[in-house]
Protein backbone atom coordinates (compact mmCIF):
# COMPACT_ATOMS: atom_id res chain seq x y z
CA MET A 1 -0.02 -0.03 0.07
CA PRO A 2 1.55 3.33 -0.88
CA ASN A 3 2.64 5.71 1.74
CA GLN A 4 -0.04 8.41 2.42
CA LEU A 5 1.37 11.85 2.47
CA ARG A 6 0.65 13.64 5.70
CA PRO A 7 -0.01 17.34 6.03
CA ALA A 8 2.90 19.15 7.41
CA VAL A 9 2.50 19.94 11.02
CA PRO A 10 3.56 23.62 11.80
CA ARG A 11 6.50 23.97 14.00
CA ARG A 12 5.90 25.19 17.41
CA ASP A 13 9.29 26.62 18.62
CA VAL A 14 9.86 29.32 21.27
CA ARG A 15 11.60 31.91 19.16
CA ALA A 16 12.96 34.94 20.96
CA SER A 17 15.81 37.38 21.46
CA PHE A 18 17.70 36.27 24.41
CA THR A 19 21.21 36.31 26.25
CA ASP A 20 22.75 34.07 28.82
CA GLN A 21 20.72 35.92 31.48
CA THR A 22 17.60 37.34 29.89
CA VAL A 23 14.79 36.88 27.34
CA THR A 24 13.02 39.56 25.42
CA VAL A 25 9.31 39.81 25.21
CA TYR A 26 6.99 42.59 23.96
CA GLN A 27 3.77 44.22 25.15
CA ALA A 28 1.76 47.02 23.77
CA TYR A 29 -0.20 49.66 25.99
CA SER A 30 -1.72 53.05 26.06
CA ARG A 31 0.59 55.97 26.58
CA GLN A 32 -0.42 56.26 30.23
CA ILE A 33 0.55 52.61 31.03
CA ALA A 34 3.61 52.65 29.03
CA ASP A 35 5.03 56.00 30.59
CA ALA A 36 4.50 54.84 34.00
CA ALA A 37 6.03 51.49 33.18
CA VAL A 38 9.27 52.93 31.62
CA GLU A 39 9.58 55.38 34.54
CA ALA A 40 9.17 52.60 37.29
CA GLN A 41 11.00 49.88 35.28
CA THR A 42 8.16 47.54 36.16
CA PHE A 43 4.25 47.85 35.39
CA VAL A 44 2.50 50.09 38.04
CA ALA A 45 -0.87 51.86 38.01
CA PRO A 46 -2.80 52.47 35.80
CA PHE A 47 -1.66 48.79 34.89
CA LYS A 48 -3.92 46.32 36.85
CA ARG A 49 -2.03 43.42 38.13
CA GLU A 50 -5.14 41.47 38.84
CA ARG A 51 -5.86 40.99 35.07
CA MET A 52 -4.21 38.49 32.75
CA THR A 53 -1.24 40.06 30.90
CA TRP A 54 0.07 38.49 27.73
CA ILE A 55 3.75 38.65 26.75
CA LYS A 56 4.84 37.92 23.26
CA PRO A 57 8.45 36.90 22.33
CA SER A 58 7.83 37.52 18.44
CA PHE A 59 8.46 41.19 17.60
CA LEU A 60 6.36 40.87 14.29
CA TRP A 61 3.59 39.04 15.90
CA MET A 62 3.50 41.98 18.40
CA MET A 63 3.31 44.18 15.35
CA TYR A 64 0.39 42.11 13.85
CA ARG A 65 -1.48 42.33 17.21
CA SER A 66 -1.00 46.08 17.66
CA GLY A 67 -1.21 47.07 14.02
CA TRP A 68 2.37 48.57 14.13
CA ALA A 69 1.37 50.26 17.25
CA ALA A 70 -1.76 52.01 15.75
CA LYS A 71 -4.63 50.18 17.44
CA PRO A 72 -6.39 52.04 20.35
CA ASP A 73 -4.75 51.42 23.68
CA GLN A 74 -1.72 49.61 21.88
CA GLU A 75 0.16 52.78 20.60
CA ARG A 76 3.21 52.16 22.58
CA VAL A 77 5.20 48.94 22.15
CA LEU A 78 7.48 48.05 25.09
CA GLU A 79 10.44 45.74 25.05
CA ILE A 80 10.73 43.97 28.34
CA GLN A 81 13.74 42.04 29.41
CA LEU A 82 13.00 39.32 31.88
CA THR A 83 15.37 36.66 33.69
CA ARG A 84 15.59 33.34 31.92
CA ASP A 85 14.69 31.54 35.29
CA GLY A 86 11.53 33.48 35.30
CA PHE A 87 10.56 32.96 31.77
CA GLU A 88 11.24 29.13 32.21
CA TRP A 89 9.12 29.28 35.61
CA ALA A 90 6.25 30.68 33.49
CA LEU A 91 6.51 27.99 30.94
CA ALA A 92 6.90 25.14 33.49
CA HIS A 93 3.70 26.42 35.27
CA ALA A 94 1.43 26.70 32.18
CA ALA A 95 -1.38 25.03 30.58
CA LEU A 96 -2.66 25.34 27.05
CA SER A 97 -5.67 27.59 26.58
CA SER A 98 -7.64 24.79 24.96
CA TYR A 99 -7.33 21.00 25.04
CA GLU A 100 -5.04 19.12 22.81
CA PRO A 101 -5.15 15.23 22.82
CA GLY A 102 -1.45 14.95 21.83
CA THR A 103 -0.42 17.07 24.83
CA TYR A 104 -2.72 15.82 27.62
CA ALA A 105 -3.69 12.37 28.52
CA SER A 106 -7.30 13.47 28.74
CA GLN A 107 -9.67 16.42 28.66
CA GLN A 108 -9.98 15.86 32.49
CA HIS A 109 -6.15 16.15 32.83
CA TRP A 110 -6.13 19.22 30.89
CA ALA A 111 -8.97 20.88 32.79
CA GLU A 112 -7.10 20.11 36.19
CA ARG A 113 -3.82 21.39 34.82
CA LYS A 114 -5.52 24.57 33.64
CA ARG A 115 -7.38 24.98 37.05
CA ILE A 116 -4.11 24.93 39.03
CA SER A 117 -1.85 26.83 36.54
CA PRO A 118 -1.20 30.76 36.60
CA VAL A 119 -0.11 30.75 33.00
CA ARG A 120 -1.93 30.14 29.69
CA ILE A 121 -0.28 29.28 26.27
CA GLN A 122 -1.53 29.99 23.03
CA TRP A 123 0.15 29.09 19.69
CA ASP A 124 -0.68 31.47 16.65
CA PRO A 125 0.74 31.70 13.19
CA ASP A 126 3.92 33.74 13.27
CA ARG A 127 4.13 36.79 11.03
CA SER A 128 6.37 37.88 8.03
CA LEU A 129 7.35 41.54 7.55
CA THR A 130 4.34 42.26 5.76
CA LEU A 131 2.31 40.58 8.53
CA ALA A 132 1.26 37.67 6.47
CA PRO A 133 0.79 34.52 8.48
CA LEU A 134 3.78 32.10 8.22
CA SER A 135 3.60 28.20 8.60
CA ARG A 136 5.37 28.21 11.99
CA ARG A 137 3.60 29.25 15.16
CA ALA A 138 4.49 31.84 17.87
CA ILE A 139 3.81 31.40 21.43
CA GLN A 140 1.77 33.89 23.50
CA ILE A 141 2.18 33.54 27.13
CA GLY A 142 -0.68 34.76 29.58
CA LEU A 143 0.33 35.58 33.01
CA SER A 144 -2.13 35.61 35.96
CA SER A 145 -2.34 35.73 39.70
CA GLU A 146 1.10 34.42 41.10
CA ALA A 147 2.77 34.67 37.67
CA VAL A 148 1.86 38.21 37.29
CA ASP A 149 3.17 39.03 40.84
CA ARG A 150 6.52 37.33 40.03
CA TYR A 151 6.65 38.96 36.62
CA LEU A 152 6.25 42.55 37.99
CA ASP A 153 8.19 42.12 41.21
CA GLN A 154 11.05 39.67 40.43
CA TRP A 155 11.55 38.84 36.52
CA ILE A 156 11.62 42.20 34.82
CA THR A 157 15.15 43.70 34.44
CA SER A 158 14.47 46.44 32.12
CA ILE A 159 11.62 48.01 30.18
CA THR A 160 12.33 50.04 26.96
CA ASP A 161 9.89 52.00 24.65
CA VAL A 162 10.58 50.62 21.17
CA THR A 163 7.78 52.43 19.40
CA PRO A 164 10.12 54.41 17.37
CA LEU A 165 11.69 51.20 16.18
CA ALA A 166 8.26 49.70 15.10
CA THR A 167 7.45 53.08 13.35
CA ARG A 168 10.62 53.02 11.49
CA ILE A 169 10.29 49.36 10.33
CA HIS A 170 6.74 49.90 9.36
CA ARG A 171 7.67 52.88 7.17
CA LEU A 172 10.41 50.77 5.37
CA VAL A 173 7.86 47.96 4.76
CA SER A 174 5.25 50.33 3.52
CA SER A 175 7.71 51.95 1.13
CA GLY A 176 8.65 48.66 -0.21
CA HIS A 177 12.17 48.53 1.26
CA LEU A 178 11.86 44.93 2.81
CA ASP A 179 15.64 44.31 2.82
CA ALA A 180 16.34 47.47 4.93
CA ALA A 181 13.28 46.69 7.15
CA GLN A 182 14.72 43.13 7.81
CA GLU A 183 18.09 44.58 8.94
CA GLU A 184 16.24 46.61 11.55
CA LEU A 185 14.35 43.50 13.04
CA PRO A 186 15.42 42.09 16.41
CA VAL A 187 17.33 38.81 15.88
CA GLU A 188 15.31 36.06 17.12
CA GLN A 189 16.43 32.42 17.44
CA VAL A 190 14.79 29.14 18.82
CA TYR A 191 15.11 29.23 22.66
CA PRO A 192 16.56 26.27 24.37
CA VAL A 193 13.32 25.21 26.27
CA PRO A 194 13.97 22.10 28.46
CA ALA A 195 12.62 19.08 26.97
CA HIS A 196 10.16 18.23 29.92
CA ILE A 197 8.74 21.76 29.63
CA LEU A 198 8.19 21.34 25.81
CA GLY A 199 5.97 18.61 26.43
CA LEU A 200 3.85 20.61 28.89
CA ILE A 201 3.24 23.61 26.47
CA GLY A 202 2.79 21.57 23.28
CA GLY A 203 6.06 22.51 21.68
CA SER A 204 7.79 20.85 18.90
CA GLU A 205 10.51 18.35 19.57
CA ARG A 206 14.01 19.51 18.97
CA GLY A 207 15.78 18.48 15.96
CA GLY A 208 13.40 19.41 13.27
CA LEU A 209 13.53 22.38 11.08
CA SER A 210 12.02 25.65 12.56
CA SER A 211 11.65 27.80 9.48
């Protein structure tokens, strides 16, 4: 019997800019929240820590989500550096937002994991310079309760307003200078998530291509 061709499964790699100590994530907020965060170097009022907050390691997914910093209350894009220990704690204490049979033994197991986990994971199509969807997936990490407190009080090492960078890249893309825009992008690579954590978040096994 001839082999049946299987549809390609999109890669789920945690791609980010990172150093030996820190990982870069992005968030977009209103001017009031962004100004206060840059001044305090963490999130303070009018930011509400009791709400879930989503961090995105993919710069271009953040551009897609915020419309190049043009959507209401997302006019300011912030680059947040957080400790790798904190980032990995978040992944290790996460549950997928929706049930997936390949990741969880049963729907009941997923429901219990979700109930006790302060972090949510979603995998959405990553984006190109023109914000077209790519085949690979980008991770979105939602922090709540204990995870938000740890994020604000322990993990953040710096917050920088990178709205001018977003505006500059968008201008280059809009004028058709894609090569120049590409050179301005932050360099993102596959983050070395420990294997046991990859299983918890539905990530792709190492060793495959991540294009």
